[in-house]
Every structure is written in C-alpha cells, then in structure tokens.
Amino acid sequence: MPNRMISILGRLRQDVAAAISAETIEAACKEVGYRWRRRKLGPVETIYLFLVQVLLEDTSCRHVVRIGGREFTDTAYCKARSRLPLAVFLELVRRVAAAVRGASEDSRWHGHRVWVVDGSSVSMPDAPELQGHFGQPGGQRPGCGFPVAKLLMLFHVGTGMLLRVTAAPLRSHDMSGAGAISGGLEPGDVLLGDRGFCSYAHMAMLLGRGISAVFRMHQQVNVDFAPGRPTARRKGPYPRPQGLPSSRWVLAHGPQDQVVAWPKPKGRPGWGPLGAIHLSRGPLGAIHLSRNPDDPVRDRRRAFR
C-alpha cells in the first residue's frame, strides 16, 4: 500500500482502522462475489478514502484527490466509488461489527445488550436505475427531484455502534426490513423502537428467539389500564363492543402497569417472513404494558410493550 494511504489511516480512530484492514475489505469483496483488477484505486484504497471523506464532514471529491497525493483525478475517484456494489459495504459493516462487538459486551443494562431500531432516508444521484428502484418523493414536477432510499438501522445503545443497515425503496414500510435487521440480535437482547415496529408478527418473531422488546403502542390499538377490564373479543351472537382493547387482561403491577395476552389478529401481514411467523403462532402471553404517570396528556395509547 502507498505511504500516502498509510498516513490516511491515521485520520481514522484506531479501533475502527484495526477492524477495517485491507484483508477485511478484500474478504468482504470476495464474500459477495465482487471481482476487481489491481489498480491505484482498488476497493481497499477507495474505501479508505471514502471513509476519510465522510469523517471530514463530507468534503468534496476534489479535496480527496489532494488527500491522496494527486495520484488520480476526482473523476477517477468517483468512478472507483461507483464500481463498488452496495453488498460490499453491507458485508463490511457486518464484519466490523463482529470485530468490535466486545464493546457491546462490556456495555450491558442489567446483563442485557440493548439495541435500538430506527429508520431514516438518504438522497442519491439522479440516475435512471436509482429512480426506477428507489423512487422519489411525490409532488415534484417530471424531471425534477432526486431518488431517495429508505434506511433501516440497528444501533447499540451503550456504544452507538451500528450493527445492521438495510436499504429499501422510499415507499416501503419499515417492517419490511425488520426481519433482516433483527438477524444480528441474540437471545437475551432488548430491542427498542417506535410504534411503527409494534405489531403482532414482529413481537412473535422476537419472543420466539428469546429477545425482549420495548415499543410504543401502535396508534390504532386501544389500551385500557382498568383492572379486570373487559375485552372486545367476545363469543356468541352478540356484536363485539366498540372501543374496547382486544387484549385479555391478566394481572396488574400497579395503576400504571399491567400484563395482558395479545390475541393473534385475523389479517396476515405481507412483510415476507413475518407473515409466516404470524400464521404459526397463537396468542402472545405475558405482554407487559406500562405508561408514564407524569404524562399530562394521559393518552390511553401512550403505552409500552
């Protein structure tokens, strides 16, 4: 590797630089089937420069040329980046997370690793293939606007480490990637998320793997903390009462906490493997609901599972 590239690595954090070695990058390329020729801007050099570019507050490609010792042009650098498939970066994230997972092992909450799942979006170059796959926000004139990808990420709460990331078209639900993003979790882990991830199928998948979850209740789910309250699911010829929760009350741990059994909904989600999990499960028992007693709104839906 040129001396200039070795000095560039000094700009990275030592633990990150050690995890992203040249051997690791080449192994990630081979794992996903990417083949390349030996050149000044191979995958190793390109990824190192790309990391520095991001860490320098997204500096210009022309500045990257100066960092690299002017051994190439900014056009050559842009082409080198475009040659690298997304699968290489996803595999590299997986390998780096596995290499530095000791940090997450040391930062536990009551013996549990705690993770948070959340979504975001990113704008991309106006290329026809990107427009066709990811789409763009509505309300724009034809020929205007840029394609936008929806990202789903899994972070470690104690260290901020990124464990998994998936990219999907803009108009796709976060739950469509929940199965893949949760693949890095282990039994005993705790997953945090907003109300978009609080579904029966998702909870069934996590509980089946021994993973605990803390989600905001979905806005369409009725919640009632009254002890022994009735349920909307009744048998017989009488119509089902409106406005009652579908969950069955089990016991209370105080005025702000209760344990319920969550019945399986009739509808099956279309989110890939989560739909199959939905069909194979019955009611979910021991679902803990709690709310913040200091919340002035006291919305019945401001509850957590």
C-alpha atoms as a PDB file:
ATOM      1  CA  MET A   1       0.000   0.000   0.000  1.00  0.00           C
ATOM      2  CA  PRO A   2       1.377   3.501  -0.820  1.00  0.00           C
ATOM      3  CA  ASN A   3       2.760   5.513   2.100  1.00  0.00           C
ATOM      4  CA  ARG A   4       0.162   8.166   1.396  1.00  0.00           C
ATOM      5  CA  MET A   5      -2.616   5.654   2.086  1.00  0.00           C
ATOM      6  CA  ILE A   6      -0.928   4.561   5.309  1.00  0.00           C
ATOM      7  CA  SER A   7      -0.920   8.158   6.543  1.00  0.00           C
ATOM      8  CA  ILE A   8      -4.601   8.460   5.638  1.00  0.00           C
ATOM      9  CA  LEU A   9      -5.415   5.625   8.026  1.00  0.00           C
ATOM     10  CA  GLY A  10      -4.011   7.760  10.822  1.00  0.00           C
ATOM     11  CA  ARG A  11      -7.057  10.010  10.474  1.00  0.00           C
ATOM     12  CA  LEU A  12      -9.353   7.151  11.468  1.00  0.00           C
ATOM     13  CA  ARG A  13      -9.991   6.006  15.008  1.00  0.00           C
ATOM     14  CA  GLN A  14      -7.540   3.306  15.956  1.00  0.00           C
ATOM     15  CA  ASP A  15     -10.161   0.683  16.804  1.00  0.00           C
ATOM     16  CA  VAL A  16     -12.022   1.318  13.548  1.00  0.00           C
ATOM     17  CA  ALA A  17      -8.841   1.299  11.473  1.00  0.00           C
ATOM     18  CA  ALA A  18      -7.817  -2.010  13.031  1.00  0.00           C
ATOM     19  CA  ALA A  19     -11.199  -3.560  12.203  1.00  0.00           C
ATOM     20  CA  ILE A  20     -11.167  -2.269   8.603  1.00  0.00           C
ATOM     21  CA  SER A  21      -7.898  -3.771   7.470  1.00  0.00           C
ATOM     22  CA  ALA A  22      -7.016  -4.333   3.832  1.00  0.00           C
ATOM     23  CA  GLU A  23      -7.553  -8.049   4.345  1.00  0.00           C
ATOM     24  CA  THR A  24     -11.032  -7.413   5.797  1.00  0.00           C
ATOM     25  CA  ILE A  25     -12.054  -5.264   2.827  1.00  0.00           C
ATOM     26  CA  GLU A  26     -10.813  -7.800   0.286  1.00  0.00           C
ATOM     27  CA  ALA A  27     -12.509 -10.632   2.188  1.00  0.00           C
ATOM     28  CA  ALA A  28     -15.801  -8.700   2.117  1.00  0.00           C
ATOM     29  CA  CYS A  29     -15.469  -8.221  -1.645  1.00  0.00           C
ATOM     30  CA  LYS A  30     -14.822 -11.918  -2.195  1.00  0.00           C
ATOM     31  CA  GLU A  31     -17.714 -12.897   0.079  1.00  0.00           C
ATOM     32  CA  VAL A  32     -20.242 -11.049  -2.100  1.00  0.00           C
ATOM     33  CA  GLY A  33     -18.639 -12.184  -5.356  1.00  0.00           C
ATOM     34  CA  TYR A  34     -17.125  -8.842  -6.380  1.00  0.00           C
ATOM     35  CA  ARG A  35     -14.029  -9.138  -8.576  1.00  0.00           C
ATOM     36  CA  TRP A  36     -11.568  -6.326  -9.340  1.00  0.00           C
ATOM     37  CA  ARG A  37      -8.302  -5.515 -11.063  1.00  0.00           C
ATOM     38  CA  ARG A  38      -5.169  -4.285  -9.315  1.00  0.00           C
ATOM     39  CA  ARG A  39      -5.022  -0.521  -9.805  1.00  0.00           C
ATOM     40  CA  LYS A  40      -4.326   2.702  -7.919  1.00  0.00           C
ATOM     41  CA  LEU A  41      -7.943   2.918  -6.809  1.00  0.00           C
ATOM     42  CA  GLY A  42      -8.837  -0.634  -5.912  1.00  0.00           C
ATOM     43  CA  PRO A  43     -11.526  -1.429  -3.329  1.00  0.00           C
ATOM     44  CA  VAL A  44      -9.135  -1.010  -0.383  1.00  0.00           C
ATOM     45  CA  GLU A  45      -7.860   2.415  -1.392  1.00  0.00           C
ATOM     46  CA  THR A  46     -11.306   3.611  -2.468  1.00  0.00           C
ATOM     47  CA  ILE A  47     -12.998   2.615   0.786  1.00  0.00           C
ATOM     48  CA  TYR A  48     -10.254   4.191   2.897  1.00  0.00           C
ATOM     49  CA  LEU A  49     -10.584   7.462   1.010  1.00  0.00           C
ATOM     50  CA  PHE A  50     -14.371   7.280   1.213  1.00  0.00           C
ATOM     51  CA  LEU A  51     -14.204   6.882   4.998  1.00  0.00           C
ATOM     52  CA  VAL A  52     -11.939   9.901   5.329  1.00  0.00           C
ATOM     53  CA  GLN A  53     -14.226  11.909   3.044  1.00  0.00           C
ATOM     54  CA  VAL A  54     -17.211  11.178   5.275  1.00  0.00           C
ATOM     55  CA  LEU A  55     -15.308  11.870   8.501  1.00  0.00           C
ATOM     56  CA  LEU A  56     -14.130  15.228   7.140  1.00  0.00           C
ATOM     57  CA  GLU A  57     -17.742  16.473   7.116  1.00  0.00           C
ATOM     58  CA  ASP A  58     -18.422  15.193   3.618  1.00  0.00           C
ATOM     59  CA  THR A  59     -15.626  17.086   1.885  1.00  0.00           C
ATOM     60  CA  SER A  60     -15.524  17.349  -1.909  1.00  0.00           C
ATOM     61  CA  CYS A  61     -14.082  14.701  -4.206  1.00  0.00           C
ATOM     62  CA  ARG A  62     -11.514  17.242  -5.405  1.00  0.00           C
ATOM     63  CA  HIS A  63     -10.261  17.548  -1.832  1.00  0.00           C
ATOM     64  CA  VAL A  64      -9.977  13.765  -1.681  1.00  0.00           C
ATOM     65  CA  VAL A  65      -7.597  13.984  -4.649  1.00  0.00           C
ATOM     66  CA  ARG A  66      -5.295  16.224  -2.604  1.00  0.00           C
ATOM     67  CA  ILE A  67      -5.524  13.860   0.359  1.00  0.00           C
ATOM     68  CA  GLY A  68      -4.499  11.000  -1.912  1.00  0.00           C
ATOM     69  CA  GLY A  69      -1.385  12.820  -3.093  1.00  0.00           C
ATOM     70  CA  ARG A  70      -2.799  13.839  -6.518  1.00  0.00           C
ATOM     71  CA  GLU A  71      -2.090  10.367  -7.896  1.00  0.00           C
ATOM     72  CA  PHE A  72      -5.524  10.288  -9.548  1.00  0.00           C
ATOM     73  CA  THR A  73      -8.290  12.625 -10.673  1.00  0.00           C
ATOM     74  CA  ASP A  74     -11.580  13.353  -8.963  1.00  0.00           C
ATOM     75  CA  THR A  75     -13.363  11.704 -11.903  1.00  0.00           C
ATOM     76  CA  ALA A  76     -11.345   8.524 -11.385  1.00  0.00           C
ATOM     77  CA  TYR A  77     -12.249   8.538  -7.697  1.00  0.00           C
ATOM     78  CA  CYS A  78     -15.971   8.939  -8.451  1.00  0.00           C
ATOM     79  CA  LYS A  79     -15.831   6.063 -10.927  1.00  0.00           C
ATOM     80  CA  ALA A  80     -13.997   3.905  -8.381  1.00  0.00           C
ATOM     81  CA  ARG A  81     -16.738   4.504  -5.825  1.00  0.00           C
ATOM     82  CA  SER A  82     -19.460   3.688  -8.340  1.00  0.00           C
ATOM     83  CA  ARG A  83     -17.787   0.364  -9.139  1.00  0.00           C
ATOM     84  CA  LEU A  84     -18.239  -0.872  -5.568  1.00  0.00           C
ATOM     85  CA  PRO A  85     -21.633  -2.582  -5.070  1.00  0.00           C
ATOM     86  CA  LEU A  86     -23.762  -1.897  -2.014  1.00  0.00           C
ATOM     87  CA  ALA A  87     -23.329  -5.518  -0.933  1.00  0.00           C
ATOM     88  CA  VAL A  88     -19.632  -4.869  -0.253  1.00  0.00           C
ATOM     89  CA  PHE A  89     -20.426  -2.110   2.241  1.00  0.00           C
ATOM     90  CA  LEU A  90     -23.147  -4.159   3.952  1.00  0.00           C
ATOM     91  CA  GLU A  91     -20.774  -7.093   4.352  1.00  0.00           C
ATOM     92  CA  LEU A  92     -18.082  -4.751   5.633  1.00  0.00           C
ATOM     93  CA  VAL A  93     -20.468  -3.342   8.251  1.00  0.00           C
ATOM     94  CA  ARG A  94     -21.252  -6.879   9.386  1.00  0.00           C
ATOM     95  CA  ARG A  95     -17.575  -7.810   9.689  1.00  0.00           C
ATOM     96  CA  VAL A  96     -16.598  -4.628  11.517  1.00  0.00           C
ATOM     97  CA  ALA A  97     -19.488  -5.020  13.965  1.00  0.00           C
ATOM     98  CA  ALA A  98     -18.406  -8.592  14.676  1.00  0.00           C
ATOM     99  CA  ALA A  99     -14.801  -7.477  15.196  1.00  0.00           C
ATOM    100  CA  VAL A 100     -15.642  -4.754  17.721  1.00  0.00           C
ATOM    101  CA  ARG A 101     -18.546  -6.489  19.428  1.00  0.00           C
ATOM    102  CA  GLY A 102     -16.508  -6.627  22.635  1.00  0.00           C
ATOM    103  CA  ALA A 103     -17.556  -3.029  23.259  1.00  0.00           C
ATOM    104  CA  SER A 104     -21.218  -4.042  23.301  1.00  0.00           C
ATOM    105  CA  GLU A 105     -20.453  -6.948  25.607  1.00  0.00           C
ATOM    106  CA  ASP A 106     -18.996  -4.537  28.179  1.00  0.00           C
ATOM    107  CA  SER A 107     -21.904  -2.056  27.952  1.00  0.00           C
ATOM    108  CA  ARG A 108     -24.858  -4.037  29.257  1.00  0.00           C
ATOM    109  CA  TRP A 109     -28.010  -2.992  31.084  1.00  0.00           C
ATOM    110  CA  HIS A 110     -28.779  -5.438  33.920  1.00  0.00           C
ATOM    111  CA  GLY A 111     -26.873  -8.081  31.968  1.00  0.00           C
ATOM    112  CA  HIS A 112     -28.689  -7.404  28.665  1.00  0.00           C
ATOM    113  CA  ARG A 113     -27.421  -5.837  25.469  1.00  0.00           C
ATOM    114  CA  VAL A 114     -29.811  -3.039  24.450  1.00  0.00           C
ATOM    115  CA  TRP A 115     -30.351  -2.098  20.809  1.00  0.00           C
ATOM    116  CA  VAL A 116     -32.498   0.497  19.064  1.00  0.00           C
ATOM    117  CA  VAL A 117     -34.004   0.132  15.589  1.00  0.00           C
ATOM    118  CA  ASP A 118     -34.966   3.199  13.604  1.00  0.00           C
ATOM    119  CA  GLY A 119     -35.443   4.363  10.047  1.00  0.00           C
ATOM    120  CA  SER A 120     -34.092   7.266   8.028  1.00  0.00           C
ATOM    121  CA  SER A 121     -33.688   8.287   4.395  1.00  0.00           C
ATOM    122  CA  VAL A 122     -30.892   9.406   2.099  1.00  0.00           C
ATOM    123  CA  SER A 123     -30.861  11.260  -1.222  1.00  0.00           C
ATOM    124  CA  MET A 124     -28.931   9.770  -4.139  1.00  0.00           C
ATOM    125  CA  PRO A 125     -27.662  10.841  -7.577  1.00  0.00           C
ATOM    126  CA  ASP A 126     -30.280  11.304 -10.270  1.00  0.00           C
ATOM    127  CA  ALA A 127     -29.561   8.072 -12.150  1.00  0.00           C
ATOM    128  CA  PRO A 128     -32.306   6.220 -14.085  1.00  0.00           C
ATOM    129  CA  GLU A 129     -31.622   2.893 -12.356  1.00  0.00           C
ATOM    130  CA  LEU A 130     -31.832   4.552  -8.921  1.00  0.00           C
ATOM    131  CA  GLN A 131     -35.023   6.387  -9.866  1.00  0.00           C
ATOM    132  CA  GLY A 132     -36.613   3.155 -11.043  1.00  0.00           C
ATOM    133  CA  HIS A 133     -35.730   1.153  -7.946  1.00  0.00           C
ATOM    134  CA  PHE A 134     -35.988   3.618  -5.053  1.00  0.00           C
ATOM    135  CA  GLY A 135     -38.396   6.259  -6.374  1.00  0.00           C
ATOM    136  CA  GLN A 136     -38.642   9.858  -5.212  1.00  0.00           C
ATOM    137  CA  PRO A 137     -40.983  11.979  -3.071  1.00  0.00           C
ATOM    138  CA  GLY A 138     -44.298  12.945  -4.611  1.00  0.00           C
ATOM    139  CA  GLY A 139     -45.458  16.408  -5.553  1.00  0.00           C
ATOM    140  CA  GLN A 140     -42.469  17.091  -7.808  1.00  0.00           C
ATOM    141  CA  ARG A 141     -42.501  18.082 -11.445  1.00  0.00           C
ATOM    142  CA  PRO A 142     -41.454  15.496 -14.051  1.00  0.00           C
ATOM    143  CA  GLY A 143     -37.698  15.501 -14.464  1.00  0.00           C
ATOM    144  CA  CYS A 144     -37.109  17.209 -11.117  1.00  0.00           C
ATOM    145  CA  GLY A 145     -36.041  15.755  -7.810  1.00  0.00           C
ATOM    146  CA  PHE A 146     -33.656  13.041  -6.734  1.00  0.00           C
ATOM    147  CA  PRO A 147     -34.256   9.390  -5.804  1.00  0.00           C
ATOM    148  CA  VAL A 148     -34.488   8.703  -2.086  1.00  0.00           C
ATOM    149  CA  ALA A 149     -33.696   5.431  -0.327  1.00  0.00           C
ATOM    150  CA  LYS A 150     -35.225   4.391   2.981  1.00  0.00           C
ATOM    151  CA  LEU A 151     -32.678   3.101   5.500  1.00  0.00           C
ATOM    152  CA  LEU A 152     -33.370   0.837   8.459  1.00  0.00           C
ATOM    153  CA  MET A 153     -30.597   0.687  11.054  1.00  0.00           C
ATOM    154  CA  LEU A 154     -29.814  -1.193  14.249  1.00  0.00           C
ATOM    155  CA  PHE A 155     -27.674   0.644  16.841  1.00  0.00           C
ATOM    156  CA  HIS A 156     -26.228  -0.400  20.188  1.00  0.00           C
ATOM    157  CA  VAL A 157     -27.496   1.967  22.890  1.00  0.00           C
ATOM    158  CA  GLY A 158     -24.404   1.827  25.096  1.00  0.00           C
ATOM    159  CA  THR A 159     -21.763   2.456  22.428  1.00  0.00           C
ATOM    160  CA  GLY A 160     -23.635   3.833  19.394  1.00  0.00           C
ATOM    161  CA  MET A 161     -22.226   1.005  17.275  1.00  0.00           C
ATOM    162  CA  LEU A 162     -24.086   0.308  14.029  1.00  0.00           C
ATOM    163  CA  LEU A 163     -24.759  -3.421  13.749  1.00  0.00           C
ATOM    164  CA  ARG A 164     -27.025  -3.716  10.713  1.00  0.00           C
ATOM    165  CA  VAL A 165     -28.358  -1.460   7.949  1.00  0.00           C
ATOM    166  CA  THR A 166     -30.710  -2.172   5.048  1.00  0.00           C
ATOM    167  CA  ALA A 167     -31.753  -0.016   2.087  1.00  0.00           C
ATOM    168  CA  ALA A 168     -35.239  -0.185   0.572  1.00  0.00           C
ATOM    169  CA  PRO A 169     -37.411   1.838  -1.836  1.00  0.00           C
ATOM    170  CA  LEU A 170     -38.809   5.080  -0.457  1.00  0.00           C
ATOM    171  CA  ARG A 171     -42.428   3.879  -0.399  1.00  0.00           C
ATOM    172  CA  SER A 172     -41.875   0.765   1.702  1.00  0.00           C
ATOM    173  CA  HIS A 173     -42.813   0.152   5.320  1.00  0.00           C
ATOM    174  CA  ASP A 174     -40.074  -0.149   7.932  1.00  0.00           C
ATOM    175  CA  MET A 175     -41.464  -3.541   8.910  1.00  0.00           C
ATOM    176  CA  SER A 176     -40.499  -4.941   5.510  1.00  0.00           C
ATOM    177  CA  GLY A 177     -36.870  -4.992   6.661  1.00  0.00           C
ATOM    178  CA  ALA A 178     -37.456  -5.789  10.334  1.00  0.00           C
ATOM    179  CA  GLY A 179     -36.732  -9.485   9.872  1.00  0.00           C
ATOM    180  CA  ALA A 180     -33.364  -8.886   8.210  1.00  0.00           C
ATOM    181  CA  ILE A 181     -32.326  -6.093  10.559  1.00  0.00           C
ATOM    182  CA  SER A 182     -33.027  -8.255  13.622  1.00  0.00           C
ATOM    183  CA  GLY A 183     -30.784 -11.050  12.364  1.00  0.00           C
ATOM    184  CA  GLY A 184     -27.849  -9.723  14.384  1.00  0.00           C
ATOM    185  CA  LEU A 185     -29.691  -9.949  17.712  1.00  0.00           C
ATOM    186  CA  GLU A 186     -29.111 -12.761  20.189  1.00  0.00           C
ATOM    187  CA  PRO A 187     -31.244 -14.352  22.936  1.00  0.00           C
ATOM    188  CA  GLY A 188     -31.348 -12.072  25.961  1.00  0.00           C
ATOM    189  CA  ASP A 189     -31.045  -8.858  23.949  1.00  0.00           C
ATOM    190  CA  VAL A 190     -33.510  -5.976  24.360  1.00  0.00           C
ATOM    191  CA  LEU A 191     -34.786  -4.124  21.286  1.00  0.00           C
ATOM    192  CA  LEU A 192     -36.176  -0.567  21.448  1.00  0.00           C
ATOM    193  CA  GLY A 193     -38.273   1.005  18.708  1.00  0.00           C
ATOM    194  CA  ASP A 194     -41.098   3.395  17.922  1.00  0.00           C
ATOM    195  CA  ARG A 195     -44.749   2.434  17.406  1.00  0.00           C
ATOM    196  CA  GLY A 196     -44.178   1.523  13.753  1.00  0.00           C
ATOM    197  CA  PHE A 197     -42.476  -1.702  14.903  1.00  0.00           C
ATOM    198  CA  CYS A 198     -45.188  -2.711  17.388  1.00  0.00           C
ATOM    199  CA  SER A 199     -47.003  -5.476  15.513  1.00  0.00           C
ATOM    200  CA  TYR A 200     -48.108  -8.959  16.478  1.00  0.00           C
ATOM    201  CA  ALA A 201     -45.900 -10.674  13.880  1.00  0.00           C
ATOM    202  CA  HIS A 202     -42.801  -8.714  14.864  1.00  0.00           C
ATOM    203  CA  MET A 203     -43.326  -9.416  18.561  1.00  0.00           C
ATOM    204  CA  ALA A 204     -43.898 -13.100  17.828  1.00  0.00           C
ATOM    205  CA  MET A 205     -40.637 -13.303  15.888  1.00  0.00           C
ATOM    206  CA  LEU A 206     -38.643 -11.603  18.654  1.00  0.00           C
ATOM    207  CA  LEU A 207     -40.183 -13.557  21.532  1.00  0.00           C
ATOM    208  CA  GLY A 208     -39.664 -16.797  19.624  1.00  0.00           C
ATOM    209  CA  ARG A 209     -35.940 -16.039  19.534  1.00  0.00           C
ATOM    210  CA  GLY A 210     -35.715 -15.081  23.202  1.00  0.00           C
ATOM    211  CA  ILE A 211     -35.436 -11.334  22.513  1.00  0.00           C
ATOM    212  CA  SER A 212     -37.283  -8.774  24.647  1.00  0.00           C
ATOM    213  CA  ALA A 213     -38.805  -5.693  23.028  1.00  0.00           C
ATOM    214  CA  VAL A 214     -39.884  -2.250  24.246  1.00  0.00           C
ATOM    215  CA  PHE A 215     -42.078  -0.428  21.701  1.00  0.00           C
ATOM    216  CA  ARG A 216     -44.560   2.411  21.814  1.00  0.00           C
ATOM    217  CA  MET A 217     -48.076   1.101  21.309  1.00  0.00           C
ATOM    218  CA  HIS A 218     -49.419   1.459  17.788  1.00  0.00           C
ATOM    219  CA  GLN A 219     -51.843   4.362  17.419  1.00  0.00           C
ATOM    220  CA  GLN A 220     -54.664   2.064  16.247  1.00  0.00           C
ATOM    221  CA  VAL A 221     -54.502  -0.216  19.305  1.00  0.00           C
ATOM    222  CA  ASN A 222     -56.893   0.504  22.168  1.00  0.00           C
ATOM    223  CA  VAL A 223     -55.319   0.363  25.627  1.00  0.00           C
ATOM    224  CA  ASP A 224     -57.144   0.386  28.975  1.00  0.00           C
ATOM    225  CA  PHE A 225     -55.370   0.142  32.349  1.00  0.00           C
ATOM    226  CA  ALA A 226     -58.519  -0.565  34.387  1.00  0.00           C
ATOM    227  CA  PRO A 227     -58.010  -3.805  36.388  1.00  0.00           C
ATOM    228  CA  GLY A 228     -60.123  -6.671  35.094  1.00  0.00           C
ATOM    229  CA  ARG A 229     -61.481  -4.567  32.245  1.00  0.00           C
ATOM    230  CA  PRO A 230     -63.485  -6.337  29.510  1.00  0.00           C
ATOM    231  CA  THR A 231     -62.132  -7.261  26.121  1.00  0.00           C
ATOM    232  CA  ALA A 232     -63.534  -6.610  22.665  1.00  0.00           C
ATOM    233  CA  ARG A 233     -63.223 -10.283  21.701  1.00  0.00           C
ATOM    234  CA  ARG A 234     -66.417 -11.979  22.889  1.00  0.00           C
ATOM    235  CA  LYS A 235     -68.017 -15.171  21.686  1.00  0.00           C
ATOM    236  CA  GLY A 236     -71.671 -15.573  20.905  1.00  0.00           C
ATOM    237  CA  PRO A 237     -74.269 -13.943  18.674  1.00  0.00           C
ATOM    238  CA  TYR A 238     -73.885 -10.501  20.266  1.00  0.00           C
ATOM    239  CA  PRO A 239     -71.985  -7.798  18.375  1.00  0.00           C
ATOM    240  CA  ARG A 240     -68.468  -7.052  19.518  1.00  0.00           C
ATOM    241  CA  PRO A 241     -68.285  -3.963  21.750  1.00  0.00           C
ATOM    242  CA  GLN A 242     -66.613  -0.932  20.217  1.00  0.00           C
ATOM    243  CA  GLY A 243     -63.730   0.990  21.793  1.00  0.00           C
ATOM    244  CA  LEU A 244     -62.501  -1.885  23.961  1.00  0.00           C
ATOM    245  CA  PRO A 245     -58.984  -3.345  23.739  1.00  0.00           C
ATOM    246  CA  SER A 246     -58.629  -6.700  22.024  1.00  0.00           C
ATOM    247  CA  SER A 247     -56.010  -7.902  24.519  1.00  0.00           C
ATOM    248  CA  ARG A 248     -57.058 -10.002  27.521  1.00  0.00           C
ATOM    249  CA  TRP A 249     -56.211  -8.575  30.945  1.00  0.00           C
ATOM    250  CA  VAL A 250     -54.116 -10.977  33.062  1.00  0.00           C
ATOM    251  CA  LEU A 251     -52.867  -9.086  36.128  1.00  0.00           C
ATOM    252  CA  ALA A 252     -51.721  -5.642  37.288  1.00  0.00           C
ATOM    253  CA  HIS A 253     -48.459  -4.499  38.854  1.00  0.00           C
ATOM    254  CA  GLY A 254     -49.925  -1.183  39.955  1.00  0.00           C
ATOM    255  CA  PRO A 255     -52.093   1.544  38.419  1.00  0.00           C
ATOM    256  CA  GLN A 256     -49.589   2.190  35.619  1.00  0.00           C
ATOM    257  CA  ASP A 257     -48.530  -1.375  34.743  1.00  0.00           C
ATOM    258  CA  GLN A 258     -50.401  -4.450  33.591  1.00  0.00           C
ATOM    259  CA  VAL A 259     -49.789  -7.802  31.938  1.00  0.00           C
ATOM    260  CA  VAL A 260     -52.036  -8.849  29.044  1.00  0.00           C
ATOM    261  CA  ALA A 261     -52.374 -11.644  26.482  1.00  0.00           C
ATOM    262  CA  TRP A 262     -52.267 -10.351  22.904  1.00  0.00           C
ATOM    263  CA  PRO A 263     -54.543 -12.380  20.568  1.00  0.00           C
ATOM    264  CA  LYS A 264     -53.464 -13.132  17.024  1.00  0.00           C
ATOM    265  CA  PRO A 265     -55.107 -10.726  14.547  1.00  0.00           C
ATOM    266  CA  LYS A 266     -57.151 -12.124  11.679  1.00  0.00           C
ATOM    267  CA  GLY A 267     -55.218 -10.309   8.973  1.00  0.00           C
ATOM    268  CA  ARG A 268     -51.830 -11.590   7.844  1.00  0.00           C
ATOM    269  CA  PRO A 269     -49.069  -9.023   7.197  1.00  0.00           C
ATOM    270  CA  GLY A 270     -47.351  -9.058   3.832  1.00  0.00           C
ATOM    271  CA  TRP A 271     -43.873  -8.454   5.233  1.00  0.00           C
ATOM    272  CA  GLY A 272     -42.122 -11.562   3.951  1.00  0.00           C
ATOM    273  CA  PRO A 273     -41.069 -13.997   6.703  1.00  0.00           C
ATOM    274  CA  LEU A 274     -43.114 -12.160   9.333  1.00  0.00           C
ATOM    275  CA  GLY A 275     -46.272 -13.324   7.581  1.00  0.00           C
ATOM    276  CA  ALA A 276     -45.250 -16.970   8.019  1.00  0.00           C
ATOM    277  CA  ILE A 277     -44.497 -16.355  11.700  1.00  0.00           C
ATOM    278  CA  HIS A 278     -47.941 -14.800  12.083  1.00  0.00           C
ATOM    279  CA  LEU A 279     -49.597 -17.985  10.789  1.00  0.00           C
ATOM    280  CA  SER A 280     -47.644 -20.277  13.110  1.00  0.00           C
ATOM    281  CA  ARG A 281     -48.358 -18.516  16.400  1.00  0.00           C
ATOM    282  CA  GLY A 282     -51.282 -18.288  18.784  1.00  0.00           C
ATOM    283  CA  PRO A 283     -51.945 -15.618  21.420  1.00  0.00           C
ATOM    284  CA  LEU A 284     -48.887 -13.877  22.873  1.00  0.00           C
ATOM    285  CA  GLY A 285     -48.940 -14.103  26.664  1.00  0.00           C
ATOM    286  CA  ALA A 286     -47.173 -12.041  29.331  1.00  0.00           C
ATOM    287  CA  ILE A 287     -47.103  -8.827  27.303  1.00  0.00           C
ATOM    288  CA  HIS A 288     -46.276  -6.039  29.762  1.00  0.00           C
ATOM    289  CA  LEU A 289     -47.949  -2.643  29.255  1.00  0.00           C
ATOM    290  CA  SER A 290     -46.839   0.439  31.190  1.00  0.00           C
ATOM    291  CA  ARG A 291     -47.294   4.184  30.923  1.00  0.00           C
ATOM    292  CA  ASN A 292     -45.638   7.317  32.256  1.00  0.00           C
ATOM    293  CA  PRO A 293     -47.572   8.545  35.333  1.00  0.00           C
ATOM    294  CA  ASP A 294     -46.170  12.077  34.856  1.00  0.00           C
ATOM    295  CA  ASP A 295     -47.553  12.383  31.332  1.00  0.00           C
ATOM    296  CA  PRO A 296     -50.075  15.268  31.414  1.00  0.00           C
ATOM    297  CA  VAL A 297     -51.821  14.061  28.268  1.00  0.00           C
ATOM    298  CA  ARG A 298     -52.669  10.652  29.727  1.00  0.00           C
ATOM    299  CA  ASP A 299     -53.393   9.289  26.283  1.00  0.00           C
ATOM    300  CA  ARG A 300     -54.512   5.681  26.610  1.00  0.00           C
ATOM    301  CA  ARG A 301     -52.332   4.786  23.642  1.00  0.00           C
ATOM    302  CA  ARG A 302     -49.131   6.146  25.216  1.00  0.00           C
ATOM    303  CA  ALA A 303     -48.181   2.714  26.465  1.00  0.00           C
ATOM    304  CA  PHE A 304     -45.227   0.410  26.001  1.00  0.00           C
ATOM    305  CA  ARG A 305     -44.920  -3.308  25.447  1.00  0.00           C
END
